[in-house]
N, C-alpha and C. Protein backbone atom coordinates (compact mmCIF):
# COMPACT_ATOMS: atom_id res chain seq x y z
N UNK A 1 -19.68 -75.18 53.10
CA UNK A 1 -19.73 -76.15 54.17
C UNK A 1 -19.18 -77.51 53.75
N UNK A 2 -19.24 -77.81 52.45
CA UNK A 2 -18.76 -79.10 51.97
C UNK A 2 -17.27 -79.06 51.64
N UNK A 3 -16.67 -77.89 51.71
CA UNK A 3 -15.23 -77.79 51.49
C UNK A 3 -14.82 -77.33 50.12
N UNK A 4 -15.72 -76.75 49.37
CA UNK A 4 -15.39 -76.23 48.04
C UNK A 4 -15.45 -74.72 48.03
N UNK A 5 -15.10 -74.14 46.90
CA UNK A 5 -15.15 -72.69 46.72
C UNK A 5 -16.08 -72.39 45.56
N UNK A 6 -17.12 -71.61 45.83
CA UNK A 6 -18.02 -71.16 44.78
C UNK A 6 -17.41 -69.90 44.18
N UNK A 7 -16.96 -69.98 42.97
CA UNK A 7 -16.33 -68.84 42.32
C UNK A 7 -17.29 -67.79 41.82
N UNK A 8 -18.60 -68.04 41.93
CA UNK A 8 -19.58 -67.13 41.34
C UNK A 8 -20.75 -66.84 42.26
N UNK A 9 -20.51 -66.22 43.34
CA UNK A 9 -21.62 -65.81 44.19
C UNK A 9 -21.45 -66.31 45.60
N UNK A 10 -22.48 -66.02 46.36
CA UNK A 10 -22.49 -66.41 47.76
C UNK A 10 -23.93 -66.51 48.21
N UNK A 11 -24.12 -66.89 49.46
CA UNK A 11 -25.48 -66.99 49.96
C UNK A 11 -26.17 -65.63 49.99
N UNK A 12 -25.41 -64.57 50.03
CA UNK A 12 -25.99 -63.23 50.04
C UNK A 12 -26.49 -62.79 48.66
N UNK A 13 -25.82 -63.24 47.58
CA UNK A 13 -26.18 -62.76 46.24
C UNK A 13 -27.33 -63.53 45.62
N UNK A 14 -27.54 -64.79 46.01
CA UNK A 14 -28.60 -65.57 45.41
C UNK A 14 -28.28 -65.91 43.96
N UNK A 15 -29.27 -66.37 43.24
CA UNK A 15 -29.09 -66.76 41.84
C UNK A 15 -28.97 -65.53 40.95
N UNK A 16 -28.17 -65.67 39.91
CA UNK A 16 -28.04 -64.60 38.93
C UNK A 16 -27.53 -65.21 37.63
N UNK A 17 -27.72 -64.48 36.56
CA UNK A 17 -27.25 -64.94 35.25
C UNK A 17 -25.74 -64.78 35.19
N UNK A 18 -25.07 -65.81 34.75
CA UNK A 18 -23.62 -65.84 34.71
C UNK A 18 -23.14 -65.75 33.27
N UNK A 19 -22.22 -64.85 33.00
CA UNK A 19 -21.66 -64.68 31.67
C UNK A 19 -20.69 -65.83 31.37
N UNK A 20 -20.83 -66.46 30.21
CA UNK A 20 -20.00 -67.59 29.86
C UNK A 20 -18.51 -67.23 29.85
N UNK A 21 -18.18 -66.03 29.40
CA UNK A 21 -16.77 -65.62 29.38
C UNK A 21 -16.18 -65.64 30.79
N UNK A 22 -16.98 -65.32 31.79
CA UNK A 22 -16.50 -65.35 33.17
C UNK A 22 -16.20 -66.79 33.60
N UNK A 23 -17.00 -67.73 33.13
CA UNK A 23 -16.75 -69.14 33.45
C UNK A 23 -15.43 -69.57 32.83
N UNK A 24 -15.25 -69.28 31.55
CA UNK A 24 -14.01 -69.67 30.87
C UNK A 24 -12.81 -69.01 31.53
N UNK A 25 -12.93 -67.75 31.85
CA UNK A 25 -11.83 -67.03 32.49
C UNK A 25 -11.46 -67.63 33.85
N UNK A 26 -12.44 -68.13 34.58
CA UNK A 26 -12.18 -68.68 35.92
C UNK A 26 -11.50 -70.05 35.88
N UNK A 27 -11.57 -70.73 34.73
CA UNK A 27 -10.94 -72.05 34.58
C UNK A 27 -11.32 -72.99 35.73
N UNK A 28 -12.61 -73.30 35.89
CA UNK A 28 -13.04 -74.14 37.01
C UNK A 28 -12.44 -75.54 36.98
N UNK A 29 -12.02 -76.00 38.15
CA UNK A 29 -11.49 -77.34 38.29
C UNK A 29 -12.61 -78.37 38.36
N UNK A 30 -13.80 -77.91 38.72
CA UNK A 30 -14.95 -78.79 38.85
C UNK A 30 -16.20 -77.98 38.50
N UNK A 31 -17.14 -78.64 37.86
CA UNK A 31 -18.44 -78.03 37.57
C UNK A 31 -19.50 -78.93 38.18
N UNK A 32 -20.33 -78.35 39.04
CA UNK A 32 -21.45 -79.08 39.63
C UNK A 32 -22.71 -78.34 39.23
N UNK A 33 -23.50 -78.95 38.38
CA UNK A 33 -24.76 -78.35 37.94
C UNK A 33 -25.84 -78.69 38.95
N UNK A 34 -26.48 -77.66 39.47
CA UNK A 34 -27.61 -77.83 40.39
C UNK A 34 -28.72 -76.92 39.88
N UNK A 35 -29.38 -77.37 38.82
CA UNK A 35 -30.40 -76.54 38.18
C UNK A 35 -31.71 -76.64 38.94
N UNK A 36 -32.16 -75.52 39.40
CA UNK A 36 -33.32 -75.43 40.29
C UNK A 36 -34.51 -76.23 39.76
N UNK A 37 -34.93 -77.19 40.56
CA UNK A 37 -36.10 -77.99 40.23
C UNK A 37 -35.85 -79.14 39.28
N UNK A 38 -34.62 -79.30 38.79
CA UNK A 38 -34.32 -80.35 37.81
C UNK A 38 -33.69 -81.56 38.48
N UNK A 39 -34.01 -82.74 37.94
CA UNK A 39 -33.28 -83.94 38.33
C UNK A 39 -31.90 -83.87 37.71
N UNK A 40 -31.02 -84.76 38.14
CA UNK A 40 -29.67 -84.80 37.56
C UNK A 40 -29.75 -85.13 36.08
N UNK A 41 -30.58 -86.10 35.74
CA UNK A 41 -30.70 -86.50 34.34
C UNK A 41 -31.23 -85.35 33.49
N UNK A 42 -32.22 -84.62 33.99
CA UNK A 42 -32.76 -83.49 33.23
C UNK A 42 -31.72 -82.38 33.07
N UNK A 43 -30.92 -82.15 34.09
CA UNK A 43 -29.85 -81.14 34.00
C UNK A 43 -28.85 -81.53 32.91
N UNK A 44 -28.56 -82.81 32.79
CA UNK A 44 -27.62 -83.26 31.76
C UNK A 44 -28.14 -83.02 30.36
N UNK A 45 -29.45 -82.97 30.19
CA UNK A 45 -30.01 -82.72 28.87
C UNK A 45 -29.64 -81.33 28.36
N UNK A 46 -29.38 -80.39 29.26
CA UNK A 46 -28.99 -79.03 28.86
C UNK A 46 -27.48 -78.87 28.75
N UNK A 47 -26.72 -79.84 29.19
CA UNK A 47 -25.27 -79.73 29.17
C UNK A 47 -24.69 -79.56 27.77
N UNK A 48 -25.26 -80.15 26.72
CA UNK A 48 -24.71 -79.90 25.37
C UNK A 48 -24.72 -78.42 24.97
N UNK A 49 -25.61 -77.65 25.54
CA UNK A 49 -25.63 -76.21 25.26
C UNK A 49 -24.33 -75.58 25.75
N UNK A 50 -23.89 -75.97 26.96
CA UNK A 50 -22.62 -75.46 27.49
C UNK A 50 -21.44 -76.02 26.70
N UNK A 51 -21.50 -77.30 26.38
CA UNK A 51 -20.38 -77.95 25.69
C UNK A 51 -20.15 -77.38 24.30
N UNK A 52 -21.15 -76.74 23.72
CA UNK A 52 -21.01 -76.14 22.39
C UNK A 52 -20.40 -74.74 22.45
N UNK A 53 -20.26 -74.19 23.63
CA UNK A 53 -19.75 -72.83 23.77
C UNK A 53 -18.23 -72.80 23.60
N UNK A 54 -17.72 -71.67 23.08
CA UNK A 54 -16.27 -71.56 22.92
C UNK A 54 -15.55 -71.63 24.27
N UNK A 55 -14.47 -72.39 24.29
CA UNK A 55 -13.68 -72.51 25.51
C UNK A 55 -14.02 -73.73 26.34
N UNK A 56 -15.12 -74.41 26.04
CA UNK A 56 -15.52 -75.59 26.81
C UNK A 56 -14.40 -76.63 26.88
N UNK A 57 -13.79 -76.90 25.72
CA UNK A 57 -12.77 -77.94 25.66
C UNK A 57 -11.50 -77.58 26.44
N UNK A 58 -11.35 -76.32 26.79
CA UNK A 58 -10.16 -75.87 27.51
C UNK A 58 -10.35 -75.82 29.03
N UNK A 59 -11.54 -76.11 29.51
CA UNK A 59 -11.79 -76.03 30.94
C UNK A 59 -11.16 -77.21 31.68
N UNK A 60 -10.44 -76.94 32.76
CA UNK A 60 -9.85 -78.03 33.54
C UNK A 60 -10.89 -79.05 34.01
N UNK A 61 -12.08 -78.61 34.34
CA UNK A 61 -13.13 -79.54 34.80
C UNK A 61 -13.41 -80.61 33.77
N UNK A 62 -13.45 -80.23 32.52
CA UNK A 62 -13.69 -81.20 31.45
C UNK A 62 -12.49 -82.08 31.19
N UNK A 63 -11.31 -81.48 31.17
CA UNK A 63 -10.09 -82.25 30.90
C UNK A 63 -9.86 -83.33 31.97
N UNK A 64 -10.33 -83.07 33.20
CA UNK A 64 -10.11 -84.00 34.31
C UNK A 64 -11.38 -84.75 34.72
N UNK A 65 -12.39 -84.72 33.84
CA UNK A 65 -13.65 -85.45 34.08
C UNK A 65 -14.28 -85.09 35.42
N UNK A 66 -14.34 -83.81 35.71
CA UNK A 66 -14.91 -83.33 36.97
C UNK A 66 -16.18 -82.50 36.70
N UNK A 67 -17.11 -83.11 36.00
CA UNK A 67 -18.39 -82.47 35.67
C UNK A 67 -19.49 -83.33 36.27
N UNK A 68 -20.35 -82.70 37.08
CA UNK A 68 -21.39 -83.41 37.80
C UNK A 68 -22.72 -82.68 37.66
N UNK A 69 -23.80 -83.42 37.79
CA UNK A 69 -25.14 -82.85 37.90
C UNK A 69 -25.79 -83.48 39.12
N UNK A 70 -26.45 -82.65 39.90
CA UNK A 70 -27.13 -83.10 41.12
C UNK A 70 -28.63 -82.95 40.92
N UNK A 71 -29.40 -83.83 41.52
CA UNK A 71 -30.85 -83.70 41.53
C UNK A 71 -31.20 -82.54 42.45
N UNK A 72 -31.20 -81.35 41.88
CA UNK A 72 -31.41 -80.14 42.67
C UNK A 72 -32.83 -80.07 43.22
N UNK A 73 -33.80 -80.58 42.47
CA UNK A 73 -35.17 -80.56 42.94
C UNK A 73 -35.34 -81.33 44.24
N UNK A 74 -34.55 -82.39 44.40
CA UNK A 74 -34.66 -83.22 45.59
C UNK A 74 -33.71 -82.78 46.71
N UNK A 75 -32.53 -82.23 46.35
CA UNK A 75 -31.50 -82.08 47.38
C UNK A 75 -30.93 -80.68 47.62
N UNK A 76 -31.15 -79.74 46.72
CA UNK A 76 -30.50 -78.44 46.95
C UNK A 76 -31.38 -77.21 46.73
N UNK A 77 -32.51 -77.34 46.09
CA UNK A 77 -33.30 -76.16 45.73
C UNK A 77 -34.42 -75.81 46.70
N UNK A 78 -34.76 -76.73 47.58
CA UNK A 78 -35.88 -76.49 48.49
C UNK A 78 -35.41 -76.62 49.93
N UNK A 79 -35.94 -75.77 50.77
CA UNK A 79 -35.58 -75.87 52.19
C UNK A 79 -36.19 -77.13 52.79
N UNK A 80 -35.51 -77.68 53.77
CA UNK A 80 -36.00 -78.88 54.44
C UNK A 80 -34.86 -79.80 54.81
N UNK A 81 -35.18 -80.94 55.40
CA UNK A 81 -34.15 -81.87 55.87
C UNK A 81 -33.26 -82.43 54.77
N UNK A 82 -33.77 -82.49 53.54
CA UNK A 82 -32.96 -83.06 52.46
C UNK A 82 -31.81 -82.15 52.06
N UNK A 83 -31.82 -80.90 52.51
CA UNK A 83 -30.67 -80.03 52.25
C UNK A 83 -29.40 -80.59 52.89
N UNK A 84 -29.53 -81.23 54.03
CA UNK A 84 -28.38 -81.86 54.68
C UNK A 84 -27.85 -82.97 53.79
N UNK A 85 -28.74 -83.76 53.22
CA UNK A 85 -28.31 -84.81 52.31
C UNK A 85 -27.66 -84.21 51.06
N UNK A 86 -28.18 -83.08 50.59
CA UNK A 86 -27.56 -82.38 49.46
C UNK A 86 -26.13 -81.95 49.79
N UNK A 87 -25.93 -81.46 51.00
CA UNK A 87 -24.59 -81.08 51.46
C UNK A 87 -23.67 -82.30 51.48
N UNK A 88 -24.19 -83.42 51.93
CA UNK A 88 -23.40 -84.66 51.95
C UNK A 88 -23.03 -85.12 50.54
N UNK A 89 -23.96 -84.97 49.61
CA UNK A 89 -23.68 -85.32 48.21
C UNK A 89 -22.55 -84.45 47.68
N UNK A 90 -22.63 -83.16 47.92
CA UNK A 90 -21.58 -82.25 47.46
C UNK A 90 -20.26 -82.57 48.13
N UNK A 91 -20.29 -82.88 49.41
CA UNK A 91 -19.06 -83.24 50.13
C UNK A 91 -18.40 -84.47 49.50
N UNK A 92 -19.19 -85.47 49.13
CA UNK A 92 -18.62 -86.66 48.50
C UNK A 92 -18.06 -86.35 47.12
N UNK A 93 -18.74 -85.49 46.36
CA UNK A 93 -18.23 -85.10 45.04
C UNK A 93 -16.89 -84.38 45.20
N UNK A 94 -16.81 -83.46 46.16
CA UNK A 94 -15.60 -82.67 46.34
C UNK A 94 -14.47 -83.46 47.00
N UNK A 95 -14.83 -84.36 47.90
CA UNK A 95 -13.83 -85.09 48.69
C UNK A 95 -14.14 -86.58 48.77
N UNK A 96 -14.06 -87.28 47.63
CA UNK A 96 -14.38 -88.71 47.65
C UNK A 96 -13.43 -89.52 48.52
N UNK A 97 -12.27 -88.96 48.82
CA UNK A 97 -11.33 -89.67 49.70
C UNK A 97 -11.77 -89.63 51.15
N UNK A 98 -12.69 -88.73 51.49
CA UNK A 98 -13.18 -88.60 52.86
C UNK A 98 -14.60 -89.12 53.06
N UNK A 99 -15.40 -89.08 52.01
CA UNK A 99 -16.81 -89.44 52.11
C UNK A 99 -17.16 -90.49 51.07
N UNK A 100 -17.99 -91.44 51.44
CA UNK A 100 -18.50 -92.41 50.47
C UNK A 100 -19.88 -92.87 50.92
N UNK A 101 -20.67 -93.26 49.96
CA UNK A 101 -22.01 -93.75 50.26
C UNK A 101 -23.03 -92.66 50.52
N UNK A 102 -22.69 -91.41 50.25
CA UNK A 102 -23.61 -90.29 50.50
C UNK A 102 -24.52 -90.00 49.31
N UNK A 103 -24.16 -90.51 48.14
CA UNK A 103 -24.91 -90.18 46.94
C UNK A 103 -25.91 -91.29 46.63
N UNK A 104 -27.21 -91.00 46.79
CA UNK A 104 -28.23 -92.01 46.47
C UNK A 104 -28.32 -92.23 44.96
N UNK A 105 -28.89 -93.35 44.57
CA UNK A 105 -29.09 -93.63 43.15
C UNK A 105 -29.82 -92.46 42.51
N UNK A 106 -29.33 -91.99 41.40
CA UNK A 106 -29.89 -90.86 40.65
C UNK A 106 -29.80 -89.53 41.40
N UNK A 107 -29.08 -89.49 42.52
CA UNK A 107 -28.90 -88.23 43.25
C UNK A 107 -27.91 -87.31 42.57
N UNK A 108 -26.93 -87.90 41.88
CA UNK A 108 -25.92 -87.14 41.15
C UNK A 108 -25.36 -88.02 40.05
N UNK A 109 -24.91 -87.37 38.99
CA UNK A 109 -24.35 -88.06 37.84
C UNK A 109 -23.04 -87.36 37.47
N UNK A 110 -22.04 -88.15 37.12
CA UNK A 110 -20.76 -87.61 36.67
C UNK A 110 -20.60 -87.91 35.19
N UNK A 111 -20.11 -86.92 34.43
CA UNK A 111 -19.86 -87.11 33.01
C UNK A 111 -18.45 -86.64 32.67
N UNK A 112 -17.95 -87.09 31.52
CA UNK A 112 -16.66 -86.62 31.06
C UNK A 112 -16.86 -85.45 30.09
N UNK A 113 -15.79 -84.98 29.50
CA UNK A 113 -15.87 -83.80 28.63
C UNK A 113 -16.69 -84.06 27.36
N UNK A 114 -16.88 -85.33 26.98
CA UNK A 114 -17.71 -85.66 25.83
C UNK A 114 -19.17 -85.85 26.24
N UNK A 115 -19.45 -85.68 27.52
CA UNK A 115 -20.78 -85.80 28.12
C UNK A 115 -21.23 -87.25 28.28
N UNK A 116 -20.28 -88.17 28.20
CA UNK A 116 -20.58 -89.58 28.47
C UNK A 116 -20.59 -89.81 29.98
N UNK A 117 -21.55 -90.57 30.46
CA UNK A 117 -21.66 -90.87 31.89
C UNK A 117 -20.44 -91.65 32.37
N UNK A 118 -20.00 -91.31 33.57
CA UNK A 118 -18.91 -92.04 34.23
C UNK A 118 -19.52 -92.71 35.45
N UNK A 119 -19.29 -93.99 35.58
CA UNK A 119 -19.77 -94.70 36.78
C UNK A 119 -21.21 -94.96 36.84
């Protein structure tokens, strides 16, 4: 709905364990972490685990500083009115040229390939 393509699943499949080799093979242009029940800051604490995996440095998302974490506990993991705000956050991440002001403070964080915060 926000205008992106989820390369790993759909609303019908639900959550599942994803093989790292499949991530590397897909060469994602953007990575948006929405870890169930986690704030954006807490999700970033686990990001070094991914960054240590083989192939991380070759992902387009990292080379182009398109790595984000969303406060999934507040905006994407629970049903309710805040899901609409979560959709707006994702829309702004995917299309900043069309949307602005949708991301509340601490609602999402952007990092570069070295895991340093951007903005």
